[in-house]
N, C-alpha and C. Protein backbone atom coordinates (compact mmCIF):
# COMPACT_ATOMS: atom_id res chain seq x y z
N MET A 1 68.83 94.59 80.77
CA MET A 1 70.08 94.56 81.54
C MET A 1 70.60 96.04 81.72
N LEU A 2 71.06 96.23 83.10
CA LEU A 2 71.87 97.29 83.22
C LEU A 2 72.90 96.86 84.26
N LEU A 3 74.22 96.57 83.79
CA LEU A 3 75.42 96.38 84.62
C LEU A 3 76.12 97.66 84.97
N LEU A 4 76.39 97.57 86.53
CA LEU A 4 77.22 98.56 86.99
C LEU A 4 78.60 97.82 87.58
N ALA A 5 79.55 98.42 86.73
CA ALA A 5 80.93 98.10 87.26
C ALA A 5 81.88 98.95 87.86
N VAL A 6 82.66 98.31 88.87
CA VAL A 6 83.51 99.37 89.69
C VAL A 6 84.75 98.65 90.10
N ASP A 7 85.92 99.20 90.12
CA ASP A 7 87.28 98.73 90.09
C ASP A 7 88.30 99.56 90.83
N THR A 8 88.77 99.26 92.21
CA THR A 8 89.60 100.16 92.77
C THR A 8 90.91 99.10 93.25
N ALA A 9 91.10 98.39 92.39
CA ALA A 9 92.48 97.37 92.48
C ALA A 9 93.57 98.05 92.31
N THR A 10 93.60 99.22 91.56
CA THR A 10 95.07 99.87 91.18
C THR A 10 94.67 101.47 91.28
N PRO A 11 95.42 102.51 91.06
CA PRO A 11 95.25 103.77 91.03
C PRO A 11 94.20 104.35 90.44
N ALA A 12 93.42 103.54 89.50
CA ALA A 12 92.33 103.99 88.67
C ALA A 12 91.05 103.54 89.55
N VAL A 13 90.38 104.65 89.95
CA VAL A 13 88.97 104.38 90.56
C VAL A 13 87.90 104.61 89.53
N THR A 14 87.29 103.33 89.27
CA THR A 14 86.45 103.64 88.11
C THR A 14 85.18 102.89 88.05
N ALA A 15 84.31 103.33 87.35
CA ALA A 15 82.84 102.95 87.34
C ALA A 15 82.28 103.22 86.05
N ALA A 16 81.28 102.39 85.79
CA ALA A 16 80.73 102.31 84.27
C ALA A 16 79.41 101.63 84.54
N LEU A 17 78.38 102.01 83.54
CA LEU A 17 77.15 101.36 83.23
C LEU A 17 77.24 100.58 81.60
N HIS A 18 76.61 99.51 81.66
CA HIS A 18 76.73 98.88 80.57
C HIS A 18 75.23 98.26 80.28
N ASP A 19 74.47 98.45 79.25
CA ASP A 19 73.21 98.01 79.06
C ASP A 19 73.00 96.69 78.09
N GLY A 20 74.22 95.87 78.05
CA GLY A 20 74.04 94.53 77.43
C GLY A 20 74.68 94.85 76.12
N SER A 21 74.42 96.05 75.55
CA SER A 21 74.91 96.26 74.26
C SER A 21 76.38 96.93 74.20
N SER A 22 76.45 97.88 74.95
CA SER A 22 77.55 98.60 74.94
C SER A 22 77.25 99.69 76.42
N VAL A 23 78.61 100.35 76.59
CA VAL A 23 78.88 101.06 77.68
C VAL A 23 77.97 102.49 77.56
N VAL A 24 77.41 102.68 78.39
CA VAL A 24 76.39 104.00 78.24
C VAL A 24 76.98 105.16 79.11
N ALA A 25 77.74 104.75 80.01
CA ALA A 25 78.48 105.89 80.90
C ALA A 25 79.79 105.43 81.48
N GLU A 26 80.73 106.40 81.83
CA GLU A 26 81.89 105.75 82.55
C GLU A 26 82.51 106.73 83.07
N SER A 27 83.15 106.75 84.03
CA SER A 27 83.96 107.55 84.98
C SER A 27 85.14 107.13 85.50
N SER A 28 86.29 107.78 85.33
CA SER A 28 87.64 106.96 85.69
C SER A 28 88.32 108.44 86.27
N ARG A 29 89.19 107.98 87.50
CA ARG A 29 89.92 109.21 87.75
C ARG A 29 91.37 108.17 88.68
N ILE A 30 92.31 108.77 88.27
CA ILE A 30 93.47 107.93 88.72
C ILE A 30 94.29 108.60 89.77
N ASP A 31 94.06 108.23 91.10
CA ASP A 31 94.38 108.53 92.52
C ASP A 31 94.66 107.36 93.15
N ALA A 32 95.92 107.20 93.78
CA ALA A 32 96.03 105.85 94.53
C ALA A 32 95.73 105.82 95.82
N ARG A 33 95.27 107.27 96.35
CA ARG A 33 95.13 107.49 97.88
C ARG A 33 93.85 107.58 98.11
N ARG A 34 92.96 108.01 97.32
CA ARG A 34 91.42 108.47 97.35
C ARG A 34 90.41 107.51 96.72
N HIS A 35 90.58 106.22 96.66
CA HIS A 35 89.76 105.05 96.40
C HIS A 35 88.33 105.29 97.42
N GLY A 36 88.33 105.65 98.27
CA GLY A 36 86.99 105.72 99.33
C GLY A 36 86.38 106.97 99.00
N GLU A 37 87.18 108.09 98.93
CA GLU A 37 86.35 109.51 98.57
C GLU A 37 85.95 109.27 97.12
N LEU A 38 86.45 109.02 96.38
CA LEU A 38 86.00 109.19 94.73
C LEU A 38 85.22 108.15 94.16
N LEU A 39 85.09 106.55 94.81
CA LEU A 39 84.39 105.87 94.13
C LEU A 39 82.68 106.16 94.10
N LEU A 40 82.00 106.48 95.08
CA LEU A 40 80.92 106.74 95.29
C LEU A 40 80.35 107.93 94.26
N PRO A 41 81.16 109.00 94.31
CA PRO A 41 80.85 109.93 93.31
C PRO A 41 81.02 109.67 91.99
N ALA A 42 81.97 108.72 91.63
CA ALA A 42 81.94 108.21 90.31
C ALA A 42 80.83 107.35 89.88
N VAL A 43 80.01 106.63 91.07
CA VAL A 43 78.80 106.19 90.53
C VAL A 43 77.60 107.02 90.52
N ASP A 44 77.80 108.06 91.30
CA ASP A 44 76.92 109.05 91.10
C ASP A 44 76.80 109.89 89.59
N ARG A 45 77.97 110.09 89.00
CA ARG A 45 78.21 110.58 87.60
C ARG A 45 77.67 110.02 86.65
N VAL A 46 77.86 108.26 86.64
CA VAL A 46 77.46 107.50 85.60
C VAL A 46 75.96 107.41 85.53
N LEU A 47 75.69 107.40 86.66
CA LEU A 47 74.06 107.29 86.71
C LEU A 47 73.40 108.54 86.28
N ALA A 48 73.96 109.79 86.39
CA ALA A 48 73.48 110.80 86.25
C ALA A 48 73.70 111.01 84.50
N GLU A 49 74.85 110.57 83.99
CA GLU A 49 75.08 110.60 83.03
C GLU A 49 74.32 109.62 82.08
N ALA A 50 73.86 108.47 82.30
CA ALA A 50 72.89 107.68 81.83
C ALA A 50 71.57 108.06 82.12
N GLY A 51 71.12 108.87 82.84
CA GLY A 51 69.82 109.06 83.16
C GLY A 51 68.96 108.02 83.82
N VAL A 52 69.46 107.60 84.85
CA VAL A 52 68.82 106.27 85.54
C VAL A 52 69.25 106.40 86.99
N LYS A 53 68.16 106.01 88.04
CA LYS A 53 68.47 105.76 89.30
C LYS A 53 69.03 104.23 89.63
N LEU A 54 69.84 104.18 90.67
CA LEU A 54 70.37 103.17 91.16
C LEU A 54 69.44 101.63 91.11
N ASP A 55 68.32 102.11 91.12
CA ASP A 55 67.47 101.00 91.49
C ASP A 55 67.18 100.44 89.82
N ALA A 56 67.57 101.03 88.79
CA ALA A 56 67.59 100.54 87.72
C ALA A 56 68.78 99.21 87.53
N VAL A 57 69.64 99.41 88.23
CA VAL A 57 70.82 98.24 88.01
C VAL A 57 70.41 97.02 88.18
N THR A 58 70.62 95.80 87.23
CA THR A 58 70.24 94.60 87.52
C THR A 58 71.48 93.66 87.84
N ALA A 59 72.53 94.20 87.58
CA ALA A 59 73.61 93.27 88.41
C ALA A 59 75.07 94.36 88.47
N VAL A 60 76.01 93.89 89.44
CA VAL A 60 77.26 94.77 89.62
C VAL A 60 78.14 93.95 89.59
N VAL A 61 79.24 94.23 88.92
CA VAL A 61 80.29 93.72 88.37
C VAL A 61 81.51 94.43 89.20
N ALA A 62 82.81 93.73 89.99
CA ALA A 62 83.57 94.26 90.57
C ALA A 62 84.82 93.62 90.24
N GLY A 63 85.92 94.70 90.04
CA GLY A 63 87.12 93.93 89.83
C GLY A 63 87.79 93.45 90.98
N VAL A 64 88.26 92.08 91.38
CA VAL A 64 88.51 91.42 92.50
C VAL A 64 90.34 91.49 92.47
N GLY A 65 90.78 92.34 91.78
CA GLY A 65 92.38 92.35 91.92
C GLY A 65 93.04 91.65 91.04
N PRO A 66 94.18 91.15 91.32
CA PRO A 66 95.09 91.50 92.37
C PRO A 66 95.27 93.08 92.58
N GLY A 67 95.49 93.43 94.04
CA GLY A 67 95.75 94.81 93.94
C GLY A 67 95.84 94.85 95.67
N PRO A 68 96.38 96.03 95.96
CA PRO A 68 96.76 96.31 97.34
C PRO A 68 95.86 96.36 98.43
N TYR A 69 95.92 96.06 99.55
CA TYR A 69 94.73 95.66 100.60
C TYR A 69 93.73 96.66 100.68
N THR A 70 94.19 97.77 100.97
CA THR A 70 92.83 98.87 101.54
C THR A 70 91.99 99.26 100.10
N GLY A 71 92.84 99.83 99.00
CA GLY A 71 92.45 100.16 97.90
C GLY A 71 91.17 99.05 97.11
N LEU A 72 91.97 98.08 97.08
CA LEU A 72 91.15 96.92 96.77
C LEU A 72 89.59 96.51 97.37
N ARG A 73 89.65 96.76 98.90
CA ARG A 73 88.31 96.43 99.58
C ARG A 73 87.28 97.29 99.41
N VAL A 74 87.66 98.69 99.07
CA VAL A 74 86.79 99.91 98.73
C VAL A 74 85.82 99.31 97.69
N GLY A 75 86.19 98.73 96.49
CA GLY A 75 85.36 98.52 95.53
C GLY A 75 84.62 97.36 95.66
N LEU A 76 85.11 96.58 96.40
CA LEU A 76 84.48 95.25 96.64
C LEU A 76 83.27 95.18 97.81
N VAL A 77 83.49 96.01 98.59
CA VAL A 77 82.68 96.49 99.69
C VAL A 77 81.60 97.27 99.14
N THR A 78 81.83 98.35 98.35
CA THR A 78 80.92 99.12 97.67
C THR A 78 80.04 98.11 96.51
N ALA A 79 80.27 97.11 95.96
CA ALA A 79 79.68 96.16 95.15
C ALA A 79 78.62 95.17 96.04
N ALA A 80 79.32 94.74 96.93
CA ALA A 80 78.64 94.10 97.69
C ALA A 80 77.47 94.68 98.55
N THR A 81 77.66 95.94 98.89
CA THR A 81 76.56 96.70 99.75
C THR A 81 75.57 97.02 98.34
N PHE A 82 76.05 97.56 97.51
CA PHE A 82 74.96 97.77 96.24
C PHE A 82 74.14 96.30 95.84
N GLY A 83 74.88 95.32 95.80
CA GLY A 83 74.10 94.04 95.69
C GLY A 83 73.12 93.64 96.76
N SER A 84 73.38 93.65 97.84
CA SER A 84 72.74 93.57 99.02
C SER A 84 71.43 94.52 99.07
N ALA A 85 71.73 95.90 98.82
CA ALA A 85 70.63 96.98 98.90
C ALA A 85 69.70 96.93 97.77
N LEU A 86 70.37 96.23 96.52
CA LEU A 86 69.16 96.14 95.37
C LEU A 86 68.60 94.74 95.12
N GLY A 87 69.20 93.60 95.88
CA GLY A 87 69.03 92.23 95.75
C GLY A 87 69.21 91.60 94.13
N VAL A 88 70.19 92.26 93.92
CA VAL A 88 71.08 91.87 92.65
C VAL A 88 72.29 91.00 92.64
N PRO A 89 72.71 90.32 91.79
CA PRO A 89 73.85 89.50 91.87
C PRO A 89 74.99 90.31 91.62
N VAL A 90 76.01 90.10 92.38
CA VAL A 90 77.63 90.59 92.27
C VAL A 90 78.26 89.77 91.57
N TYR A 91 79.26 89.76 90.33
CA TYR A 91 79.85 89.14 89.74
C TYR A 91 81.10 89.60 89.90
N GLY A 92 82.25 88.58 90.30
CA GLY A 92 83.67 88.92 90.19
C GLY A 92 84.60 88.76 88.93
N LEU A 93 85.38 89.77 88.49
CA LEU A 93 86.14 89.45 87.62
C LEU A 93 87.77 90.02 87.81
N CYS A 94 88.66 88.87 87.46
CA CYS A 94 90.18 89.75 87.54
C CYS A 94 90.48 90.78 86.88
N THR A 95 90.87 92.09 87.84
CA THR A 95 91.42 93.21 87.25
C THR A 95 92.02 93.03 86.18
N LEU A 96 93.13 91.95 85.93
CA LEU A 96 94.30 91.87 84.90
C LEU A 96 93.34 91.55 83.66
N ASP A 97 92.24 90.85 83.62
CA ASP A 97 91.39 90.58 82.81
C ASP A 97 90.82 91.54 81.97
N GLY A 98 90.40 92.53 82.98
CA GLY A 98 89.71 93.53 82.45
C GLY A 98 90.91 94.54 81.42
N LEU A 99 92.12 94.57 82.06
CA LEU A 99 92.99 95.22 81.17
C LEU A 99 93.55 94.61 79.76
N ALA A 100 93.63 93.14 79.85
CA ALA A 100 93.45 92.25 78.49
C ALA A 100 92.50 92.59 77.80
N TYR A 101 91.53 92.54 78.21
CA TYR A 101 90.20 92.81 77.44
C TYR A 101 90.25 94.03 76.48
N ALA A 102 90.73 95.05 77.18
CA ALA A 102 90.73 96.28 76.89
C ALA A 102 91.91 96.58 75.57
N SER A 103 92.93 95.95 75.76
CA SER A 103 93.65 95.66 74.99
C SER A 103 93.58 95.48 73.55
N GLY A 104 92.65 94.66 73.25
CA GLY A 104 92.44 93.98 72.07
C GLY A 104 93.27 93.28 71.40
N LEU A 105 94.21 92.83 71.76
CA LEU A 105 95.42 92.12 71.33
C LEU A 105 94.98 90.81 71.05
N ASP A 106 95.41 90.14 69.97
CA ASP A 106 95.12 88.91 69.25
C ASP A 106 96.31 88.15 69.00
N GLU A 107 97.33 88.22 70.18
CA GLU A 107 98.14 87.47 70.15
C GLU A 107 98.96 87.22 71.47
N PRO A 108 99.81 86.22 72.02
CA PRO A 108 100.22 86.29 73.21
C PRO A 108 100.88 87.36 73.98
N PHE A 109 100.48 87.81 75.08
CA PHE A 109 101.06 89.05 75.71
C PHE A 109 100.98 88.85 77.41
N VAL A 110 101.46 89.97 78.07
CA VAL A 110 101.43 90.03 79.33
C VAL A 110 100.87 91.12 79.98
N VAL A 111 100.06 90.97 81.01
CA VAL A 111 99.37 92.20 81.63
C VAL A 111 100.25 92.54 82.59
N ALA A 112 100.64 93.62 83.38
CA ALA A 112 101.39 93.81 84.31
C ALA A 112 101.11 95.12 85.37
N THR A 113 100.63 94.95 86.34
CA THR A 113 100.30 96.20 87.28
C THR A 113 101.34 96.53 88.34
N ASP A 114 101.03 97.62 88.83
CA ASP A 114 102.34 98.08 89.91
C ASP A 114 101.78 97.34 90.92
N ALA A 115 102.55 96.56 91.73
CA ALA A 115 102.48 95.91 93.18
C ALA A 115 103.18 96.59 94.27
N ARG A 116 103.72 97.65 93.98
CA ARG A 116 104.59 98.07 94.91
C ARG A 116 105.68 97.28 95.58
N ARG A 117 106.49 97.77 96.43
CA ARG A 117 107.51 96.71 96.80
C ARG A 117 108.56 96.40 95.73
N LYS A 118 108.53 97.37 94.54
CA LYS A 118 109.39 96.84 93.17
C LYS A 118 108.92 95.62 92.75
N GLU A 119 107.81 95.09 92.83
CA GLU A 119 107.08 94.08 92.32
C GLU A 119 105.87 94.50 91.15
N VAL A 120 105.32 93.49 90.44
CA VAL A 120 104.43 93.40 89.74
C VAL A 120 103.28 92.20 89.95
N TYR A 121 102.16 92.81 89.87
CA TYR A 121 101.13 91.76 89.76
C TYR A 121 100.95 91.56 88.00
N TRP A 122 100.89 90.11 87.53
CA TRP A 122 101.23 89.90 86.50
C TRP A 122 100.24 88.31 85.93
N ALA A 123 100.29 88.49 84.74
CA ALA A 123 99.57 87.40 84.09
C ALA A 123 99.81 87.30 82.60
N ARG A 124 99.99 86.10 82.27
CA ARG A 124 100.19 85.70 80.52
C ARG A 124 98.88 85.73 79.80
N TYR A 125 98.83 86.24 78.73
CA TYR A 125 97.39 85.80 77.87
C TYR A 125 97.51 85.50 76.65
N GLU A 126 97.01 84.31 75.98
CA GLU A 126 97.08 84.04 74.59
C GLU A 126 96.50 85.18 73.44
N SER A 127 95.15 85.53 74.35
CA SER A 127 94.33 86.92 73.25
C SER A 127 93.76 87.47 74.44
N ALA A 128 93.18 88.75 73.96
CA ALA A 128 92.46 89.61 75.03
C ALA A 128 91.47 88.82 75.69
N ARG A 129 91.03 87.58 75.26
CA ARG A 129 90.02 87.11 76.16
C ARG A 129 90.54 85.85 76.75
N ALA A 130 91.86 85.22 76.75
CA ALA A 130 92.13 84.16 77.08
C ALA A 130 93.55 84.32 77.75
N ARG A 131 93.46 83.96 79.18
CA ARG A 131 94.20 84.06 80.29
C ARG A 131 94.74 82.62 80.36
N VAL A 132 96.30 82.71 80.67
CA VAL A 132 97.06 81.46 80.73
C VAL A 132 97.61 81.42 82.27
N GLY A 133 96.69 80.51 82.76
CA GLY A 133 97.37 80.25 84.23
C GLY A 133 96.70 81.45 85.31
N GLU A 134 97.20 81.41 86.16
CA GLU A 134 96.78 82.45 87.40
C GLU A 134 97.61 83.45 87.46
N PRO A 135 96.71 84.54 87.95
CA PRO A 135 97.92 85.75 88.36
C PRO A 135 98.80 85.55 89.47
N ALA A 136 99.95 86.16 89.23
CA ALA A 136 101.15 86.05 90.30
C ALA A 136 101.60 87.70 90.62
N VAL A 137 102.39 87.40 91.66
CA VAL A 137 103.22 88.89 91.98
C VAL A 137 104.45 88.36 92.09
N ASP A 138 105.42 89.04 91.30
CA ASP A 138 106.94 88.80 91.23
C ASP A 138 107.44 89.81 90.97
N ARG A 139 109.04 89.93 91.23
CA ARG A 139 109.72 91.01 91.17
C ARG A 139 109.97 90.85 89.24
N PRO A 140 110.23 92.15 88.76
CA PRO A 140 110.52 92.08 87.31
C PRO A 140 111.36 90.91 86.83
N ALA A 141 112.74 91.32 87.46
CA ALA A 141 114.02 90.41 86.98
C ALA A 141 113.58 88.88 87.10
N GLU A 142 112.74 88.69 87.98
CA GLU A 142 112.40 87.53 88.40
C GLU A 142 111.66 86.54 86.96
N ILE A 143 111.10 87.19 86.61
CA ILE A 143 110.01 86.83 85.43
C ILE A 143 110.45 87.04 83.94
N ALA A 144 111.53 87.82 83.95
CA ALA A 144 112.24 88.35 82.80
C ALA A 144 112.15 87.21 81.43
N GLU A 145 112.64 86.15 81.83
CA GLU A 145 112.98 84.96 80.83
C GLU A 145 111.34 84.50 80.41
N GLN A 146 110.28 84.47 81.26
CA GLN A 146 109.02 84.03 81.12
C GLN A 146 108.21 84.87 80.08
N VAL A 147 108.68 86.23 80.29
CA VAL A 147 107.88 87.21 79.31
C VAL A 147 108.67 87.88 78.26
N ALA A 148 110.12 87.21 78.02
CA ALA A 148 110.82 87.84 76.96
C ALA A 148 110.08 87.49 75.66
N GLY A 149 110.05 88.97 75.17
CA GLY A 149 109.62 89.00 73.59
C GLY A 149 108.18 89.00 73.20
N LEU A 150 107.45 89.22 74.52
CA LEU A 150 106.11 89.61 74.42
C LEU A 150 105.62 90.93 74.77
N PRO A 151 104.83 91.22 74.09
CA PRO A 151 104.09 92.79 74.27
C PRO A 151 103.53 92.82 75.82
N ALA A 152 103.48 93.79 76.27
CA ALA A 152 102.88 94.19 77.76
C ALA A 152 102.08 95.36 78.08
N VAL A 153 101.10 95.15 78.66
CA VAL A 153 99.81 96.23 78.90
C VAL A 153 99.83 96.44 80.35
N GLY A 154 99.69 97.62 80.80
CA GLY A 154 99.49 98.05 82.36
C GLY A 154 100.69 99.10 82.98
N ALA A 155 100.30 99.60 83.83
CA ALA A 155 101.42 100.40 84.31
C ALA A 155 102.55 99.79 85.01
N GLY A 156 102.43 98.44 85.41
CA GLY A 156 103.64 97.87 85.77
C GLY A 156 104.53 97.66 84.60
N ALA A 157 104.11 97.47 83.48
CA ALA A 157 104.95 97.25 82.49
C ALA A 157 105.87 98.62 81.96
N LEU A 158 105.02 99.93 82.27
CA LEU A 158 105.74 100.92 82.02
C LEU A 158 106.80 101.28 83.16
N LEU A 159 106.62 100.91 84.24
CA LEU A 159 107.37 101.14 85.10
C LEU A 159 108.90 100.36 85.04
N TYR A 160 108.78 99.13 84.51
CA TYR A 160 109.82 98.22 84.28
C TYR A 160 110.46 98.28 82.64
N PRO A 161 110.78 98.95 82.14
CA PRO A 161 111.03 98.91 80.41
C PRO A 161 112.12 97.71 80.34
N GLU A 162 113.08 97.67 81.47
CA GLU A 162 114.00 96.84 80.88
C GLU A 162 113.62 95.00 80.89
N THR A 163 112.31 95.06 81.77
CA THR A 163 111.79 93.61 81.72
C THR A 163 110.77 93.54 80.48
N PHE A 164 109.81 94.78 80.25
CA PHE A 164 108.87 95.01 79.56
C PHE A 164 109.29 95.92 78.42
N PRO A 165 110.10 95.60 77.33
CA PRO A 165 110.55 96.56 76.23
C PRO A 165 109.53 97.03 75.46
N ASP A 166 108.30 96.23 75.18
CA ASP A 166 107.26 96.47 74.22
C ASP A 166 105.99 96.53 75.00
N ALA A 167 105.87 97.85 75.69
CA ALA A 167 104.89 98.19 76.64
C ALA A 167 103.95 98.94 75.62
N ARG A 168 102.57 98.53 76.08
CA ARG A 168 101.24 99.09 75.23
C ARG A 168 100.26 99.57 76.19
N ALA A 169 99.65 100.27 75.61
CA ALA A 169 98.14 100.92 76.10
C ALA A 169 97.07 99.42 76.40
N PRO A 170 96.23 99.61 77.31
CA PRO A 170 95.88 100.60 78.09
C PRO A 170 97.04 100.46 79.29
N GLU A 171 97.13 101.71 80.01
CA GLU A 171 98.01 101.59 81.27
C GLU A 171 97.24 101.21 82.45
N HIS A 172 95.96 101.70 82.53
CA HIS A 172 95.01 101.61 83.76
C HIS A 172 93.80 100.58 83.23
N VAL A 173 93.04 99.97 84.42
CA VAL A 173 91.98 99.55 84.08
C VAL A 173 90.53 100.14 83.90
N SER A 174 89.72 99.97 82.96
CA SER A 174 88.54 100.63 82.94
C SER A 174 87.57 99.84 83.31
N ALA A 175 86.39 100.33 84.18
CA ALA A 175 85.34 99.57 84.53
C ALA A 175 84.39 99.58 83.50
N GLY A 176 84.83 100.09 82.06
CA GLY A 176 83.80 100.23 80.74
C GLY A 176 84.29 98.64 80.26
N ALA A 177 85.94 98.41 80.39
CA ALA A 177 86.22 97.27 79.93
C ALA A 177 85.67 96.07 80.74
N LEU A 178 85.62 96.22 81.82
CA LEU A 178 85.38 95.18 82.74
C LEU A 178 83.73 94.65 82.61
N ALA A 179 82.94 95.91 82.48
CA ALA A 179 81.31 95.75 82.21
C ALA A 179 81.36 95.05 80.64
N SER A 180 82.08 95.42 79.60
CA SER A 180 81.55 94.81 78.34
C SER A 180 82.11 93.23 78.41
N LEU A 181 83.07 92.99 79.13
CA LEU A 181 83.61 91.52 79.31
C LEU A 181 82.43 90.78 80.12
N ALA A 182 82.12 91.35 80.95
CA ALA A 182 81.21 90.95 81.97
C ALA A 182 79.65 90.42 81.15
N ALA A 183 79.33 91.48 80.36
CA ALA A 183 78.06 91.25 79.36
C ALA A 183 78.65 90.11 78.56
N GLU A 184 79.37 89.97 77.82
CA GLU A 184 79.85 88.87 76.95
C GLU A 184 79.86 87.51 77.75
N LYS A 185 80.20 87.50 78.84
CA LYS A 185 80.39 86.41 79.72
C LYS A 185 79.04 85.85 80.30
N LEU A 186 78.09 86.87 80.68
CA LEU A 186 76.87 86.61 80.82
C LEU A 186 76.15 86.09 79.46
N ALA A 187 76.33 86.76 78.28
CA ALA A 187 75.64 86.03 77.50
C ALA A 187 75.97 84.76 76.95
N ALA A 188 77.09 84.47 77.33
CA ALA A 188 77.68 82.98 76.62
C ALA A 188 77.66 82.23 77.91
N GLY A 189 77.14 82.58 79.16
CA GLY A 189 76.92 81.51 80.26
C GLY A 189 78.13 81.13 81.06
N ASP A 190 79.10 82.01 80.84
CA ASP A 190 80.61 81.77 81.29
C ASP A 190 80.71 81.89 82.96
N HIS A 191 81.28 81.10 83.28
CA HIS A 191 81.90 81.43 84.97
C HIS A 191 82.67 82.87 85.36
N PHE A 192 81.97 83.21 86.48
CA PHE A 192 82.61 84.46 87.11
C PHE A 192 83.45 83.90 88.53
N LEU A 193 84.21 84.82 88.91
CA LEU A 193 84.72 84.68 89.98
C LEU A 193 83.88 85.10 91.33
N PRO A 194 83.93 84.68 92.34
CA PRO A 194 83.20 85.27 93.54
C PRO A 194 83.76 86.71 93.97
N PRO A 195 82.95 87.85 94.26
CA PRO A 195 83.52 88.85 94.55
C PRO A 195 84.13 89.08 95.68
N LEU A 196 85.36 88.33 95.96
CA LEU A 196 86.35 88.33 96.91
C LEU A 196 87.70 88.91 96.64
N PRO A 197 88.29 89.26 97.62
CA PRO A 197 89.42 90.12 97.14
C PRO A 197 90.75 89.15 96.83
N LEU A 198 91.31 89.40 95.60
CA LEU A 198 92.72 88.48 95.37
C LEU A 198 93.88 89.24 95.59
N TYR A 199 94.36 88.97 96.73
CA TYR A 199 95.55 89.77 97.20
C TYR A 199 96.81 89.33 96.71
N LEU A 200 96.88 88.04 96.74
CA LEU A 200 98.22 87.18 96.30
C LEU A 200 99.20 87.46 97.25
N ARG A 201 99.15 88.11 98.47
CA ARG A 201 100.15 88.33 99.52
C ARG A 201 99.64 88.91 100.83
N ARG A 202 100.38 88.47 101.96
CA ARG A 202 99.93 89.16 103.07
C ARG A 202 99.91 90.52 103.33
N PRO A 203 98.87 91.15 104.13
CA PRO A 203 98.75 92.86 104.20
C PRO A 203 99.94 93.15 105.02
N ASP A 204 100.52 94.42 105.09
CA ASP A 204 101.56 94.65 105.78
C ASP A 204 101.24 94.77 107.32
N ALA A 205 99.87 95.06 107.60
CA ALA A 205 99.55 95.13 108.96
C ALA A 205 99.53 93.49 109.61
N GLN A 206 100.08 93.56 110.88
CA GLN A 206 100.04 92.01 111.38
C GLN A 206 99.41 92.44 113.02
N VAL A 207 98.91 91.14 113.42
CA VAL A 207 98.66 91.23 114.73
C VAL A 207 99.92 91.04 115.85
N PRO A 208 100.11 91.75 116.69
CA PRO A 208 101.07 91.68 117.29
C PRO A 208 101.19 90.26 118.05
N LYS A 209 102.49 89.42 118.04
CA LYS A 209 102.45 88.06 118.49
C LYS A 209 102.51 87.93 120.32
N ASN A 210 103.09 89.15 120.73
CA ASN A 210 103.32 89.14 122.19
C ASN A 210 102.46 90.38 123.03
N TYR A 211 101.36 89.99 123.45
CA TYR A 211 100.41 91.10 124.11
C TYR A 211 101.01 91.47 125.45
N LYS A 212 101.28 92.87 125.65
CA LYS A 212 101.51 93.46 126.89
C LYS A 212 100.51 93.06 127.89
N VAL A 213 100.35 92.71 129.33
CA VAL A 213 99.37 92.47 130.10
C VAL A 213 99.32 93.68 130.81
N VAL A 214 98.07 94.01 130.51
CA VAL A 214 97.86 95.60 131.30
C VAL A 214 96.74 95.52 132.49
N THR A 215 96.11 94.04 132.65
CA THR A 215 95.04 93.93 133.65
C THR A 215 95.82 93.91 135.12
N PRO A 216 95.22 93.91 136.13
CA PRO A 216 95.40 93.94 137.37
C PRO A 216 95.72 92.39 137.64
N LYS A 217 96.69 92.43 138.57
CA LYS A 217 96.71 90.95 138.93
C LYS A 217 95.81 90.56 140.41
């Protein structure tokens, strides 16, 4: 087994390789505006570090978000392209689950990432491997009662200390954590998400409702 994991749902542009036992190579850069420029070089770096070619990959794992429209698509399109070119399966994992897994927490907690617009993408967890309910997007003040008293991980928690006073690491998702979680799920025969974007809200760009007629009568 050689899993290639990628995630661009947050400012972290991250890629990793996992051989079924452990992470063998990983690369991460924090840059919210250059997902498209940074992801393929990151993949090249982890392949070079592991000393393998791309055709050695047996499956691809992609973080499906939630995340902003443009950045999120970069990782998913890249994963789909690799899967098609190599003829290997592509598995989707919730990006918040990757952060939860990396936390190692064995108690109820919250994962929160920056959704911009003064909102967070968030979800509750019973432990590092057990999410409660579905991810959501809300203003921190609106969920203060639901998350009161719970530790929180992720960049969103650090941005809003009044709602998440017990913020902990990790701040950003790592493809290594996603790959490790995927390897566990594959070994257990667990369910994966389809490799499709989890947006939770409509994109800013909208199709104009009223078109101006420019053709001759």
